[in-house]
Structures are given as C-alpha cells and as structure tokens.
Amino acid sequence: MADIHRLVPGDHALFAGMLDVFGTAFRDTQTYGAQRPSALYVDSLLENPAFLGLVAVEGTKVVGALAAYELPKFERERSEFYIYDLAVSEGHRRRGIATALIEAVRALAKKRGGWVVFVQADHGDDPAIALYSKLGRREDVLHFDIPVA
C-alpha cells in the first residue's frame, strides 16, 4: 500500500509528482505541466492551511494525489472541505489509494471541526461516481464557470 503524505513547504519534487499524476490521469498535460508554479509560489501555497495537498507514494514515486481546500462557512462556525482534484496513476488503481486519500482529508476535516467533505464528478466518469457513491450521499447539482470580468 502507498504511504499518504501531506505536502509541506519544500516538497517540490512531490508537488511536481502530484501535477504529473493529474496531468496524465486527466489527459491534460498542458494545464498541469506547461506553466508550473515557481518554488516560491508552491511553498506559499503549501504554507496556507486552507490548501491540502496529499500524495500517495510508493517508494519514491507519486502514484496518487489529492488537492483540496478548506472553506470556512459564514452561517456557522464550521468549515467544508472541497476535494478539487483526485487521481491515481493507471497502474495503481483499484487498490484503495483514492479511498486512503479521501480518508486522510476526512480525518483532517474532523480534527479541524469540519462539517462535510464534498467533491464533484463529471457525467460519464463511472469509476469516480462509484467511489464517491460508496463513501457519501449523491446530490445532483449544476456547475457553472463564470469568467472573470
């Protein structure tokens, strides 16, 4: 089983491995590889407690990754945790790595007084939908991207 590691400032190689996993899994190496952030930006991001970067490592290779954000709520003193990206390298799927990454977020959310962990899945992404259905309750919502003016 892979070891789950929360990224901290200085984890530049593991951060790059996370981007590699996302780029390959999502077939979007342009977004995740073309203009990678500087070490200074990465360290600043990883210092931010609202950002959670988790990687699953086997040996020295990143085989799974999860990026999440803590969203403090305004109506109550609690937070929601949003899993923004989650992927496992093709040769390492169906071995519990994605579930282990989600469980790590759940544990951290509980420790911080979080209320819920949520994630979205695309229509047709049956493996993701099956995983998330196993772990939580499905809500049918619409997602809109609104361009910045």
Protein backbone atom coordinates (compact mmCIF):
# COMPACT_ATOMS: atom_id res chain seq x y z
CA MET A 1 0.00 0.00 0.00
CA ALA A 2 1.14 3.52 -0.74
CA ASP A 3 2.12 5.93 2.02
CA ILE A 4 -0.06 9.04 2.26
CA HIS A 5 1.93 12.24 2.73
CA ARG A 6 0.63 15.78 3.27
CA LEU A 7 2.74 18.21 1.29
CA VAL A 8 4.63 20.88 3.20
CA PRO A 9 6.88 23.72 2.04
CA GLY A 10 9.99 22.26 0.42
CA ASP A 11 8.19 19.22 -1.02
CA HIS A 12 8.88 20.43 -4.56
CA ALA A 13 9.56 17.01 -6.10
CA LEU A 14 6.40 15.54 -4.57
CA PHE A 15 4.40 18.57 -5.73
CA ALA A 16 5.74 18.03 -9.27
CA GLY A 17 4.77 14.36 -8.97
CA MET A 18 1.26 15.42 -7.97
CA LEU A 19 1.00 17.61 -11.08
CA ASP A 20 2.31 14.74 -13.23
CA VAL A 21 -0.35 12.37 -11.86
CA PHE A 22 -3.12 14.90 -12.50
CA GLY A 23 -1.87 15.78 -15.99
CA THR A 24 -1.67 12.15 -17.06
CA ALA A 25 -4.89 10.97 -15.39
CA PHE A 26 -6.93 13.89 -16.73
CA ARG A 27 -5.21 13.82 -20.13
CA ASP A 28 -4.37 17.47 -19.65
CA THR A 29 -0.60 17.79 -19.51
CA GLN A 30 -0.89 21.34 -20.84
CA THR A 31 -2.73 22.62 -17.77
CA TYR A 32 -0.71 20.63 -15.25
CA GLY A 33 2.68 20.87 -16.93
CA ALA A 34 3.16 23.82 -19.25
CA GLN A 35 3.48 26.70 -16.78
CA ARG A 36 4.28 25.13 -13.46
CA PRO A 37 4.39 27.43 -10.47
CA SER A 38 7.68 28.61 -9.02
CA ALA A 39 9.14 27.09 -5.86
CA LEU A 40 8.28 30.30 -4.03
CA TYR A 41 4.62 30.05 -5.10
CA VAL A 42 4.46 26.36 -4.21
CA ASP A 43 5.90 26.98 -0.75
CA SER A 44 3.42 29.83 -0.18
CA LEU A 45 0.54 27.59 -1.25
CA LEU A 46 1.70 24.74 0.97
CA GLU A 47 2.06 27.11 3.95
CA ASN A 48 -1.59 28.09 3.57
CA PRO A 49 -3.60 25.92 5.99
CA ALA A 50 -6.67 26.22 3.73
CA PHE A 51 -4.90 24.22 0.99
CA LEU A 52 -4.40 20.48 1.37
CA GLY A 53 -2.04 18.72 -0.99
CA LEU A 54 -1.84 14.99 -0.38
CA VAL A 55 0.15 12.41 -2.30
CA ALA A 56 0.26 8.64 -2.24
CA VAL A 57 3.85 7.49 -2.60
CA GLU A 58 5.24 4.05 -3.36
CA GLY A 59 8.99 4.03 -2.97
CA THR A 60 9.89 7.44 -4.35
CA LYS A 61 7.11 7.64 -6.95
CA VAL A 62 3.90 9.61 -6.56
CA VAL A 63 1.10 7.23 -7.62
CA GLY A 64 -1.90 9.20 -6.40
CA ALA A 65 -2.73 12.76 -5.46
CA LEU A 66 -5.45 14.89 -3.99
CA ALA A 67 -5.81 18.68 -3.84
CA ALA A 68 -8.44 20.11 -1.51
CA TYR A 69 -9.45 23.38 0.08
CA GLU A 70 -10.93 24.22 3.46
CA LEU A 71 -13.80 26.65 3.04
CA PRO A 72 -14.76 28.47 6.24
CA LYS A 73 -18.50 28.96 6.41
CA PHE A 74 -20.19 32.22 7.35
CA GLU A 75 -23.53 30.99 8.72
CA ARG A 76 -21.96 28.78 11.40
CA GLU A 77 -18.58 28.23 12.97
CA ARG A 78 -17.60 25.32 10.78
CA SER A 79 -15.85 24.53 7.52
CA GLU A 80 -16.48 22.45 4.46
CA PHE A 81 -13.64 20.70 2.68
CA TYR A 82 -13.75 20.63 -1.11
CA ILE A 83 -11.79 17.98 -3.00
CA TYR A 84 -10.76 19.87 -6.11
CA ASP A 85 -8.68 17.18 -7.84
CA LEU A 86 -8.16 13.49 -7.09
CA ALA A 87 -6.36 11.00 -9.30
CA VAL A 88 -4.47 7.72 -9.12
CA SER A 89 -1.99 6.56 -11.75
CA GLU A 90 -3.48 3.98 -14.07
CA GLY A 91 -1.32 1.07 -12.96
CA HIS A 92 -2.19 1.67 -9.30
CA ARG A 93 -5.96 1.95 -9.45
CA ARG A 94 -8.44 -0.28 -7.61
CA ARG A 95 -6.02 -0.77 -4.72
CA GLY A 96 -7.60 1.60 -2.18
CA ILE A 97 -5.34 4.57 -2.85
CA ALA A 98 -8.13 7.03 -3.72
CA THR A 99 -10.09 5.90 -0.67
CA ALA A 100 -6.99 6.34 1.53
CA LEU A 101 -6.50 9.88 0.20
CA ILE A 102 -10.15 10.73 0.91
CA GLU A 103 -9.91 9.20 4.38
CA ALA A 104 -6.89 11.42 5.10
CA VAL A 105 -8.95 14.50 4.18
CA ARG A 106 -11.85 13.27 6.32
CA ALA A 107 -9.55 12.81 9.32
CA LEU A 108 -8.07 16.28 8.91
CA ALA A 109 -11.54 17.80 8.44
CA LYS A 110 -12.74 16.14 11.64
CA LYS A 111 -9.68 17.36 13.52
CA ARG A 112 -10.38 20.93 12.35
CA GLY A 113 -14.08 20.80 13.18
CA GLY A 114 -15.17 20.36 9.58
CA TRP A 115 -18.78 19.68 8.78
CA VAL A 116 -18.53 17.86 5.44
CA VAL A 117 -16.15 16.87 2.66
CA PHE A 118 -17.54 17.33 -0.84
CA VAL A 119 -16.42 16.55 -4.36
CA GLN A 120 -17.87 16.74 -7.83
CA ALA A 121 -17.68 14.16 -10.59
CA ASP A 122 -18.27 14.52 -14.30
CA HIS A 123 -21.10 12.67 -16.03
CA GLY A 124 -19.64 9.53 -17.56
CA ASP A 125 -16.78 9.22 -15.04
CA ASP A 126 -18.24 5.97 -13.74
CA PRO A 127 -15.27 4.89 -11.57
CA ALA A 128 -15.27 8.23 -9.71
CA ILE A 129 -19.05 8.18 -9.34
CA ALA A 130 -18.92 4.64 -7.94
CA LEU A 131 -16.19 5.57 -5.45
CA TYR A 132 -17.92 8.71 -4.22
CA SER A 133 -21.30 6.93 -4.03
CA LYS A 134 -19.69 4.31 -1.79
CA LEU A 135 -18.37 6.97 0.57
CA GLY A 136 -21.15 9.55 0.66
CA ARG A 137 -24.53 10.80 -0.48
CA ARG A 138 -25.03 11.96 -4.05
CA GLU A 139 -26.52 15.35 -4.84
CA ASP A 140 -27.44 16.33 -8.38
CA VAL A 141 -26.30 19.89 -8.96
CA LEU A 142 -25.31 22.08 -11.84
CA HIS A 143 -21.83 23.56 -12.11
CA PHE A 144 -21.20 26.88 -13.82
CA ASP A 145 -17.88 28.50 -14.72
CA ILE A 146 -18.32 32.27 -14.68
CA PRO A 147 -15.48 34.13 -16.40
CA VAL A 148 -13.65 36.86 -14.56
CA ALA A 149 -14.61 40.24 -16.00
